[in-house]
Structures are given as C-alpha cells and as structure tokens.
Amino acid sequence: MEDPRAIIAREPMHYRQVLTVATATALNALDGFDVLSISFASPGIAHEWGITRAALGFVLSMELIGMGIGAFLLGNLADRFGRRPTILGCLVIMGTGMALASLAGNVTMLSAFRLFTGLGIGGMLAATGAIVAECSNARRRNLAVAIMAGGYPIGAIVGGSIASALLAATGRWQSVFEFGALATLCFIPLVLWLVPETIAFLVHKRPARALEKINRTMVRQGRAPLSALPPRDVQVAGTGVAQLFAPGIRSITLLLTMIYFGHMMSFYFFVKWIPKIVVDMGFAAAAAGGVLVWANVGGALGSLGVSLLSQRFSVRYLVAAAMFGGAAALCVFGYWPTTLARLSIMACVGGFFTNGATAGLYAVIAQCFPAHLRAGGTGLVIGAGRAGAALGPVIAGLLFTWGWSLGPVAVMLACGTLLAGIVLLTFRYRESTIA
C-alpha cells in the first residue's frame, strides 16, 4: 500500500490544500500585526508614561522573548499532540494577551502581558510552518512556505493601516491592542472549518481514529481512501528534543539557529524602532505608523519575489542574497533619510530584503527537518533564534541611551543579517522530497 504522504507529495494540490495554505498565511498575517502592535503603540506609550528609550527597548522585546519560549515549548507540543490543536490554543493565548495589554496600567504589567502574547505567537509560527510544509506537494512546498511567511508583512500593512487610523481617530494606544484581540479571536472558527490535522502527523503518531481522520481528508481532497494505515515509521530513540541533536541532524539544528539568530537581531531592530525613530525626528505618530507600513509593503513584495524565484533558483542562495541586500539597506537607512519621503523609501527597501530573507528562511527550515521533528525543530530554531530578535531592540535602546546616533546603531545591528548570510552560504543540507 502506498504511503499517503507520498501521494500528497507527488500529485497536484487540491483546492482544499490551497485553502489550508491560505488560512495559514492569514494566521501569519495575524502574527505580523500582533508582533508589531507594540511598535505602533510605542510612541503613545512613551509619551503617556514618560519612559526612557532603554526602558522602551525592553518593552519592545518582551513578546519576542515570549515567542522564543512559545516556539520551543509549543512547537514540541505540536509534534506530540497535533498541529491543529496547537494552533487553536495559540489563538486563545494571543487573543487573551492582546486584550490584557489594552488594560495595562504600567510598564511591568504591559511587559508581562506582551510576554504572554508572545508565547502564542511563537507556537503559531512553528505549527503553521509544519502544516503548510506537510499539506503541500513537493513541487510547490518552497513556494507555499514562502507565501505563508509572506503573510507577516501583509498583516502588518493591513493591521498597521487600521492601527494608524485608530490612533488618529481615538488618540489612545490601547485601541491598537483592542482591535488585535478581536481580530485574533475571530480566527478560531476559521481554523476549525478550514484546517484539518495533517496526514503526515496522523501517519506518524497514529492517535485514536487515525485512519478515519486520514480518509476524511483524503476523500475531501478527491483521493481514494486507504484500506489500512501504512507501515509504521522507524522509531528513533530519545525525546523529540534529543533527536534534534542526534548525529546527522545536530549540525543542521545548530547552524539554522545561528542563521536565524543573526537575521532576527537585524530584522527586529529595524521593524521595532522605526516608529520611535520617526517620531524623534519630529514627525507625528500617525506618520510614523505610515513609515512602518511602507516597510511592510516592501516586505510583502520581497516575500512574493522570493516565493516566485524559489521555483527556479535555490532558495538558499536567494535567502543569502536577500540578507546581504538587507544589511546594505539598513546601513543606508541609518544615514540617508532626513525627510518623511526618504524614510518611507528606505523603510520599503529594507523591508523588501529583510522580509524576503525571512520568508525564504522558513522554507529552508521546513526542508531540513523530517515530519516527526518538523514543528519541534522549527520551534527550537525559532525559539533560540528569537533571543537575537529580543536582543536587537534592547541593544539599540541601550546604544541610543549611551548617545549613539542612528547611523552607527544601524551599521552595528546590520552585522547580524550580514553574518547570517555568510553562514548560510557555507551551509549544506539535503532537501526532503516528501512531507
């Protein structure tokens, strides 16, 4: 009997598979808004509470720390209990955290609520990456994962435009989090309707009624049901985490973590500090949100570009090239812009390269881990790598407090994605051909 995972990898994608990819892309768009909501709100928070740049840098990093913890812990839960229940649980966490953030009365409370929100965002990243990789065929897998990752800047564009309008209309930074909570909770029925558990997970873990669940998905995708489950996969000794450091996969885990760490440090310095930098130049908070939206317009275009080019060229080389372009753009962003138009242009260019690299990097990660380790492996890489994401805004805040100007800070933080690109060029891995 043929393994259903091989059938999915070989045959054209059914429209239900496309709907699953589209839903995962929308979930990543939600992540994009949730992560950057604090950036849109930060000028109002700093003004209302009178906090320093250093303190603001720590607040901006709280959900990034939570994302790291959540990606690691909940990513492993997704490999143990399923991708679908993990996504639903993450939505509850994210929606609750956003609602609580709107009620925060001081920096400590807000930091705690953003940390909690980050737990859900991190777990969501790990689970959605696994779902998209496992529901796509081999030919379109890189494209599907990159498109899913491209949802992040789209969410920031749409959500950022709404956030800017809310800030202009209400003058309350809390309105950004209130909108985020409502939008997040609305996704729960959508996931229940459109996102089934992946066949790859069901074949490997074999929970109760596994064959029934697999056949339900196969029939809905226009494929013949199975008469019996295929032979069990060869079991590898040790826990999921231990297997990620087993011989043959240890170097992949460590190198991917280094690459992700460096790139995230640069990327999140860029997207987290844009609004505050623009306001400090004398522009209004609504205009600062507009510049961040332009960064994500560039990010959406970069993600789309990498997605399409990955069908013809090695995604590894595409990501490395985007990282080098992103490092150069961040350096120029630090010195050239003096007007709102120039800030918007360089934010767009920087977003194009940094977000394009991020989208392609998720495809690389999905290629490197087998199905039974995919969510856990992705979660570990994201979890450890998010330390870089958290460090970027913190380091920038400290350097600004010590009197550094924007130019030297941008050059310093651009080194992260530059070094990540160099490491990626030396990195070799074998791309998987089935889910």
Protein backbone atom coordinates (compact mmCIF):
# COMPACT_ATOMS: atom_id res chain seq x y z
CA MET A 1 0.00 0.00 0.00
CA GLU A 2 1.36 3.41 -0.97
CA ASP A 3 2.07 5.89 1.79
CA PRO A 4 -0.46 8.78 1.62
CA ARG A 5 2.36 11.24 2.30
CA ALA A 6 4.00 10.15 -0.95
CA ILE A 7 0.69 10.62 -2.79
CA ILE A 8 0.35 14.18 -1.47
CA ALA A 9 3.97 14.95 -2.34
CA ARG A 10 3.57 13.67 -5.90
CA GLU A 11 0.08 14.75 -7.00
CA PRO A 12 -1.19 18.26 -7.85
CA MET A 13 -2.56 20.26 -4.95
CA HIS A 14 -6.32 20.12 -4.36
CA TYR A 15 -8.19 23.35 -3.67
CA ARG A 16 -8.64 22.28 -0.02
CA GLN A 17 -4.87 22.13 0.35
CA VAL A 18 -4.69 25.61 -1.14
CA LEU A 19 -7.31 26.79 1.38
CA THR A 20 -5.21 25.39 4.21
CA VAL A 21 -2.15 27.27 2.93
CA ALA A 22 -4.26 30.43 2.58
CA THR A 23 -5.55 30.10 6.15
CA ALA A 24 -2.02 29.56 7.48
CA THR A 25 -0.93 32.65 5.53
CA ALA A 26 -3.74 34.63 7.16
CA LEU A 27 -2.66 33.32 10.57
CA ASN A 28 0.87 34.52 9.88
CA ALA A 29 -0.58 37.88 8.84
CA LEU A 30 -2.26 37.96 12.24
CA ASP A 31 1.12 37.21 13.82
CA GLY A 32 2.58 40.12 11.86
CA PHE A 33 0.09 42.55 13.29
CA ASP A 34 0.25 41.13 16.82
CA VAL A 35 4.06 41.37 16.90
CA LEU A 36 4.15 44.93 15.55
CA SER A 37 1.17 46.21 17.52
CA ILE A 38 3.54 47.33 20.28
CA SER A 39 5.59 49.24 17.68
CA PHE A 40 2.51 51.15 16.51
CA ALA A 41 1.55 51.87 20.11
CA SER A 42 5.06 52.68 21.38
CA PRO A 43 5.10 56.46 20.72
CA GLY A 44 1.86 56.87 22.68
CA ILE A 45 3.12 54.62 25.49
CA ALA A 46 6.40 56.54 25.77
CA HIS A 47 4.54 59.88 25.82
CA GLU A 48 1.87 58.82 28.35
CA TRP A 49 4.20 57.07 30.78
CA GLY A 50 7.35 59.14 30.20
CA ILE A 51 9.67 56.14 29.87
CA THR A 52 13.23 56.24 28.54
CA ARG A 53 14.44 54.73 25.26
CA ALA A 54 16.25 51.99 27.17
CA ALA A 55 13.08 51.03 29.04
CA LEU A 56 11.09 51.14 25.81
CA GLY A 57 13.63 48.82 24.18
CA PHE A 58 12.91 46.19 26.85
CA VAL A 59 9.14 46.58 26.41
CA LEU A 60 9.52 46.19 22.64
CA SER A 61 11.39 42.92 23.21
CA MET A 62 9.03 41.25 25.67
CA GLU A 63 6.82 39.41 23.18
CA LEU A 64 9.95 38.39 21.26
CA ILE A 65 11.20 36.63 24.38
CA GLY A 66 7.78 35.06 24.76
CA MET A 67 7.89 33.99 21.11
CA GLY A 68 11.15 32.19 21.72
CA ILE A 69 9.78 30.29 24.70
CA GLY A 70 6.48 29.58 22.96
CA ALA A 71 8.08 28.39 19.73
CA PHE A 72 10.22 25.89 21.63
CA LEU A 73 7.61 24.62 24.09
CA LEU A 74 4.50 24.72 21.91
CA GLY A 75 6.41 23.62 18.81
CA ASN A 76 7.25 20.39 20.58
CA LEU A 77 3.63 20.06 21.71
CA ALA A 78 2.59 20.35 18.07
CA ASP A 79 4.77 17.32 17.26
CA ARG A 80 3.25 15.42 20.17
CA PHE A 81 -0.45 16.37 20.12
CA GLY A 82 -1.01 17.80 16.65
CA ARG A 83 -0.67 20.96 14.61
CA ARG A 84 -4.38 21.87 14.66
CA PRO A 85 -4.99 21.84 18.44
CA THR A 86 -1.74 23.75 18.95
CA ILE A 87 -2.89 26.50 16.57
CA LEU A 88 -6.26 26.77 18.35
CA GLY A 89 -4.56 27.00 21.74
CA CYS A 90 -2.18 29.67 20.45
CA LEU A 91 -5.09 31.77 19.19
CA VAL A 92 -6.65 31.73 22.66
CA ILE A 93 -3.34 32.78 24.23
CA MET A 94 -2.76 35.55 21.68
CA GLY A 95 -6.27 36.97 21.93
CA THR A 96 -6.21 36.96 25.72
CA GLY A 97 -2.78 38.58 25.83
CA MET A 98 -3.78 41.37 23.44
CA ALA A 99 -6.92 42.10 25.47
CA LEU A 100 -4.94 42.24 28.71
CA ALA A 101 -2.31 44.55 27.14
CA SER A 102 -5.04 47.11 26.46
CA LEU A 103 -5.75 47.18 30.21
CA ALA A 104 -2.12 47.55 31.38
CA GLY A 105 -1.51 50.44 33.75
CA ASN A 106 2.29 50.44 33.89
CA VAL A 107 5.41 49.14 32.16
CA THR A 108 5.65 46.00 34.29
CA MET A 109 2.08 44.92 33.55
CA LEU A 110 2.42 45.66 29.85
CA SER A 111 5.70 43.73 29.65
CA ALA A 112 4.12 40.69 31.34
CA PHE A 113 1.12 40.72 29.01
CA ARG A 114 3.33 41.09 25.92
CA LEU A 115 5.46 38.18 27.13
CA PHE A 116 2.30 36.08 27.44
CA THR A 117 1.10 37.11 23.97
CA GLY A 118 4.47 36.12 22.56
CA LEU A 119 4.03 32.55 23.81
CA GLY A 120 1.10 32.11 21.46
CA ILE A 121 2.76 33.86 18.53
CA GLY A 122 5.86 31.65 18.79
CA GLY A 123 3.85 28.45 18.94
CA MET A 124 1.77 29.61 15.98
CA LEU A 125 4.88 30.15 13.85
CA ALA A 126 6.11 26.62 14.50
CA ALA A 127 2.74 24.94 13.92
CA THR A 128 1.75 26.84 10.77
CA GLY A 129 5.13 26.21 9.16
CA ALA A 130 4.71 22.49 9.75
CA ILE A 131 1.13 22.44 8.45
CA VAL A 132 2.00 24.23 5.21
CA ALA A 133 5.02 22.03 4.52
CA GLU A 134 3.01 18.86 5.15
CA CYS A 135 -0.12 19.74 3.17
CA SER A 136 1.81 20.91 0.08
CA ASN A 137 3.20 18.75 -2.70
CA ALA A 138 6.94 18.51 -3.22
CA ARG A 139 6.94 20.80 -6.25
CA ARG A 140 5.14 23.68 -4.53
CA ARG A 141 6.42 23.25 -0.96
CA ASN A 142 9.03 26.02 -1.06
CA LEU A 143 6.53 28.34 -2.73
CA ALA A 144 3.78 27.54 -0.21
CA VAL A 145 6.02 28.02 2.85
CA ALA A 146 7.41 31.29 1.48
CA ILE A 147 3.90 32.55 0.71
CA MET A 148 2.84 31.63 4.25
CA ALA A 149 5.79 33.59 5.66
CA GLY A 150 4.83 36.49 3.39
CA GLY A 151 1.59 36.82 5.31
CA TYR A 152 3.56 38.52 8.09
CA PRO A 153 4.17 41.83 6.26
CA ILE A 154 0.67 41.74 4.76
CA GLY A 155 -0.76 41.59 8.26
CA ALA A 156 1.44 44.48 9.29
CA ILE A 157 0.30 46.51 6.26
CA VAL A 158 -3.42 45.93 6.76
CA GLY A 159 -3.27 45.98 10.54
CA GLY A 160 -0.86 48.90 10.54
CA SER A 161 -3.16 50.96 8.34
CA ILE A 162 -6.04 50.20 10.71
CA ALA A 163 -3.84 50.96 13.73
CA SER A 164 -2.77 54.32 12.26
CA ALA A 165 -6.42 55.18 11.62
CA LEU A 166 -7.39 54.14 15.16
CA LEU A 167 -4.56 56.20 16.67
CA ALA A 168 -5.54 59.23 14.63
CA ALA A 169 -9.24 58.83 15.49
CA THR A 170 -9.01 57.98 19.19
CA GLY A 171 -5.59 59.16 20.33
CA ARG A 172 -5.48 56.03 22.53
CA TRP A 173 -2.66 53.50 22.11
CA GLN A 174 -4.90 50.93 23.83
CA SER A 175 -7.17 50.83 20.76
CA VAL A 176 -4.42 49.01 18.82
CA PHE A 177 -4.49 46.08 21.26
CA GLU A 178 -8.29 46.05 21.47
CA PHE A 179 -8.51 45.64 17.71
CA GLY A 180 -5.83 42.93 17.78
CA ALA A 181 -7.68 40.91 20.42
CA LEU A 182 -10.94 40.98 18.46
CA ALA A 183 -9.25 40.03 15.17
CA THR A 184 -7.31 37.17 16.81
CA LEU A 185 -10.34 35.51 18.41
CA CYS A 186 -12.27 35.70 15.11
CA PHE A 187 -9.78 33.22 13.61
CA ILE A 188 -10.79 30.34 15.89
CA PRO A 189 -13.92 29.31 13.91
CA LEU A 190 -12.00 29.78 10.64
CA VAL A 191 -9.33 27.27 11.71
CA LEU A 192 -11.97 24.80 12.92
CA TRP A 193 -13.60 24.98 9.49
CA LEU A 194 -10.65 25.01 7.08
CA VAL A 195 -7.60 23.44 8.73
CA PRO A 196 -7.57 19.64 9.26
CA GLU A 197 -4.81 17.81 11.09
CA THR A 198 -2.02 16.92 8.67
CA ILE A 199 -1.83 13.43 7.22
CA ALA A 200 1.91 13.35 7.93
CA PHE A 201 1.26 13.84 11.65
CA LEU A 202 -1.56 11.26 11.74
CA VAL A 203 0.52 8.62 9.91
CA HIS A 204 3.49 9.10 12.22
CA LYS A 205 1.74 9.48 15.61
CA ARG A 206 -1.35 7.29 14.94
CA PRO A 207 -3.75 8.80 17.51
CA ALA A 208 -7.23 7.36 18.08
CA ARG A 209 -9.24 7.04 14.83
CA ALA A 210 -6.17 7.98 12.78
CA LEU A 211 -7.29 6.01 9.71
CA GLU A 212 -10.75 7.59 9.83
CA LYS A 213 -9.26 11.09 10.04
CA ILE A 214 -6.79 10.41 7.23
CA ASN A 215 -9.53 9.04 4.96
CA ARG A 216 -11.79 12.00 5.68
CA THR A 217 -9.05 14.34 4.48
CA MET A 218 -8.14 12.13 1.50
CA VAL A 219 -11.76 11.98 0.31
CA ARG A 220 -12.25 15.73 0.74
CA GLN A 221 -9.18 16.21 -1.45
CA GLY A 222 -10.64 13.97 -4.15
CA ARG A 223 -8.39 11.00 -3.41
CA ALA A 224 -9.20 7.35 -2.74
CA PRO A 225 -9.44 6.35 0.95
CA LEU A 226 -6.98 3.92 2.49
CA SER A 227 -7.96 0.40 3.47
CA ALA A 228 -5.33 0.36 6.22
CA LEU A 229 -2.57 2.52 7.66
CA PRO A 230 0.86 2.21 6.02
CA PRO A 231 3.70 0.55 7.97
CA ARG A 232 4.93 2.49 10.96
CA ASP A 233 7.92 4.78 10.59
CA VAL A 234 11.17 3.59 12.07
CA GLN A 235 11.19 4.86 15.65
CA VAL A 236 14.22 6.83 16.79
CA ALA A 237 15.21 6.54 20.43
CA GLY A 238 15.03 9.60 22.64
CA THR A 239 12.70 12.56 23.02
CA GLY A 240 11.97 15.00 20.24
CA VAL A 241 14.48 17.50 21.61
CA ALA A 242 17.18 14.82 21.93
CA GLN A 243 16.60 13.73 18.34
CA LEU A 244 17.26 17.29 17.14
CA PHE A 245 20.81 16.92 18.48
CA ALA A 246 21.35 13.37 17.28
CA PRO A 247 24.24 12.65 14.88
CA GLY A 248 23.35 13.66 11.35
CA ILE A 249 20.94 16.41 12.35
CA ARG A 250 22.83 18.20 15.14
CA SER A 251 24.80 20.43 12.78
CA ILE A 252 21.63 21.36 10.88
CA THR A 253 19.90 22.40 14.12
CA LEU A 254 22.85 24.47 15.34
CA LEU A 255 23.59 26.20 12.02
CA LEU A 256 19.96 27.07 11.37
CA THR A 257 19.73 28.53 14.87
CA MET A 258 22.82 30.68 14.28
CA ILE A 259 21.47 31.91 10.95
CA TYR A 260 18.03 32.70 12.35
CA PHE A 261 19.53 34.40 15.43
CA GLY A 262 21.66 36.80 13.40
CA HIS A 263 18.98 37.71 10.90
CA MET A 264 16.29 38.25 13.54
CA MET A 265 18.54 40.58 15.51
CA SER A 266 18.79 42.90 12.50
CA PHE A 267 15.20 42.44 11.35
CA TYR A 268 13.56 43.28 14.67
CA PHE A 269 15.79 46.26 15.36
CA PHE A 270 14.52 47.61 12.06
CA VAL A 271 10.79 46.99 12.45
CA LYS A 272 10.55 47.68 16.18
CA TRP A 273 12.35 51.02 16.24
CA ILE A 274 11.01 52.64 13.05
CA PRO A 275 8.01 54.41 14.68
CA LYS A 276 10.01 55.80 17.60
CA ILE A 277 12.86 56.91 15.31
CA VAL A 278 10.41 58.73 13.03
CA VAL A 279 8.66 60.44 15.96
CA ASP A 280 12.02 61.51 17.42
CA MET A 281 12.78 63.18 14.07
CA GLY A 282 9.78 65.43 14.69
CA PHE A 283 7.04 63.67 12.74
CA ALA A 284 3.59 62.73 14.08
CA ALA A 285 2.85 59.28 15.49
CA ALA A 286 0.38 58.59 12.66
CA ALA A 287 3.13 59.38 10.12
CA ALA A 288 5.47 57.02 11.99
CA GLY A 289 2.93 54.24 11.61
CA GLY A 290 2.77 55.04 7.90
CA VAL A 291 6.54 54.59 7.53
CA LEU A 292 6.29 51.19 9.22
CA VAL A 293 3.51 50.28 6.82
CA TRP A 294 5.83 51.12 3.91
CA ALA A 295 8.46 48.83 5.45
CA ASN A 296 5.92 46.04 5.31
CA VAL A 297 4.81 46.91 1.78
CA GLY A 298 8.42 46.28 0.82
CA GLY A 299 8.35 43.15 2.96
CA ALA A 300 5.30 41.79 1.15
CA LEU A 301 6.94 42.44 -2.23
CA GLY A 302 10.18 40.80 -1.05
CA SER A 303 8.33 37.73 0.23
CA LEU A 304 6.45 37.44 -3.06
CA GLY A 305 9.67 37.81 -5.03
CA VAL A 306 11.46 35.09 -3.08
CA SER A 307 8.37 32.86 -3.34
CA LEU A 308 8.28 33.09 -7.12
CA LEU A 309 12.03 32.90 -7.66
CA SER A 310 12.26 29.81 -5.42
CA GLN A 311 10.50 27.88 -8.20
CA ARG A 312 13.52 28.44 -10.46
CA PHE A 313 16.51 29.04 -8.19
CA SER A 314 17.97 27.59 -4.99
CA VAL A 315 16.13 29.11 -2.04
CA ARG A 316 19.36 29.03 -0.02
CA TYR A 317 21.13 31.37 -2.44
CA LEU A 318 18.07 33.60 -2.69
CA VAL A 319 17.94 33.99 1.09
CA ALA A 320 21.67 34.73 1.36
CA ALA A 321 21.40 37.40 -1.36
CA ALA A 322 18.42 38.97 0.40
CA MET A 323 20.37 39.05 3.68
CA PHE A 324 23.25 40.89 2.04
CA GLY A 325 20.80 43.35 0.48
CA GLY A 326 19.11 43.82 3.84
CA ALA A 327 22.41 44.60 5.59
CA ALA A 328 23.21 47.25 2.99
CA ALA A 329 19.71 48.76 3.20
CA LEU A 330 19.87 49.03 7.00
CA CYS A 331 23.18 50.87 6.78
CA VAL A 332 21.75 53.34 4.25
CA PHE A 333 18.63 53.75 6.42
CA GLY A 334 20.87 54.87 9.26
CA TYR A 335 22.50 57.72 7.33
CA TRP A 336 20.46 58.88 4.33
CA PRO A 337 16.83 59.62 5.36
CA THR A 338 16.10 63.16 6.57
CA THR A 339 12.58 63.57 5.18
CA LEU A 340 9.43 61.51 5.53
CA ALA A 341 9.64 60.52 1.86
CA ARG A 342 13.21 59.27 2.21
CA LEU A 343 12.34 57.41 5.40
CA SER A 344 9.45 55.69 3.60
CA ILE A 345 11.61 54.74 0.61
CA MET A 346 14.38 53.23 2.70
CA ALA A 347 11.91 51.50 5.01
CA CYS A 348 10.36 49.91 1.92
CA VAL A 349 13.74 48.82 0.52
CA GLY A 350 14.88 47.47 3.88
CA GLY A 351 11.61 45.62 4.32
CA PHE A 352 11.92 44.13 0.83
CA PHE A 353 15.23 42.45 1.59
CA THR A 354 14.80 41.56 5.26
CA ASN A 355 11.29 40.13 4.90
CA GLY A 356 12.21 38.35 1.68
CA ALA A 357 15.06 36.66 3.54
CA THR A 358 12.73 35.71 6.41
CA ALA A 359 10.17 34.16 4.06
CA GLY A 360 12.80 32.08 2.29
CA LEU A 361 14.42 31.09 5.57
CA TYR A 362 11.21 29.41 6.74
CA ALA A 363 11.27 27.34 3.54
CA VAL A 364 14.87 26.32 4.28
CA ILE A 365 13.91 25.30 7.83
CA ALA A 366 10.94 23.25 6.60
CA GLN A 367 13.20 21.41 4.13
CA CYS A 368 15.73 20.43 6.74
CA PHE A 369 13.62 18.56 9.31
CA PRO A 370 11.65 15.32 8.78
CA ALA A 371 7.91 15.37 9.51
CA HIS A 372 8.14 13.89 13.01
CA LEU A 373 10.59 16.63 14.05
CA ARG A 374 9.39 19.47 11.84
CA ALA A 375 7.32 21.52 14.30
CA GLY A 376 9.73 20.81 17.17
CA GLY A 377 12.76 21.58 15.02
CA THR A 378 11.19 24.74 13.68
CA GLY A 379 10.21 25.69 17.22
CA LEU A 380 13.72 25.12 18.55
CA VAL A 381 15.33 27.19 15.79
CA ILE A 382 12.77 29.96 16.21
CA GLY A 383 12.91 29.74 19.99
CA ALA A 384 16.67 30.00 20.30
CA GLY A 385 16.87 32.41 17.38
CA ARG A 386 14.33 34.73 18.98
CA ALA A 387 16.99 35.60 21.54
CA GLY A 388 18.52 37.54 18.65
CA ALA A 389 15.13 39.09 17.93
CA ALA A 390 14.87 40.21 21.55
CA LEU A 391 18.46 41.47 21.65
CA GLY A 392 18.11 43.71 18.59
CA PRO A 393 15.69 46.28 20.08
CA VAL A 394 17.37 46.09 23.50
CA ILE A 395 20.87 46.72 22.13
CA ALA A 396 19.56 49.58 20.01
CA GLY A 397 17.81 51.13 23.01
CA LEU A 398 20.97 50.95 25.11
CA LEU A 399 23.14 52.40 22.34
CA PHE A 400 20.70 55.28 21.83
CA THR A 401 20.71 55.92 25.60
CA TRP A 402 24.53 55.99 25.59
CA GLY A 403 24.46 58.73 22.98
CA TRP A 404 24.95 56.78 19.74
CA SER A 405 23.27 58.29 16.70
CA LEU A 406 21.08 56.33 14.28
CA GLY A 407 23.82 55.73 11.69
CA PRO A 408 26.31 53.80 13.85
CA VAL A 409 23.47 51.89 15.56
CA ALA A 410 22.10 50.78 12.18
CA VAL A 411 25.52 49.64 10.99
CA MET A 412 26.11 47.69 14.21
CA LEU A 413 22.75 45.90 14.01
CA ALA A 414 23.09 45.23 10.26
CA CYS A 415 26.02 42.93 11.03
CA GLY A 416 23.62 40.27 12.29
CA THR A 417 21.95 39.59 8.94
CA LEU A 418 25.27 40.05 7.11
CA LEU A 419 26.93 37.28 9.13
CA ALA A 420 23.81 35.11 8.81
CA GLY A 421 24.06 35.32 5.02
CA ILE A 422 27.71 34.31 5.10
CA VAL A 423 26.97 31.26 7.30
CA LEU A 424 24.05 30.26 5.05
CA LEU A 425 26.32 30.19 2.00
CA THR A 426 28.55 27.62 3.73
CA PHE A 427 25.56 25.54 4.90
CA ARG A 428 24.76 22.25 3.10
CA TYR A 429 21.61 20.19 3.58
CA ARG A 430 19.56 17.60 1.71
CA GLU A 431 16.09 18.77 0.74
CA SER A 432 13.27 16.36 1.67
CA THR A 433 11.05 15.20 -1.19
CA ILE A 434 8.03 14.01 0.83
CA ALA A 435 6.17 15.54 3.75
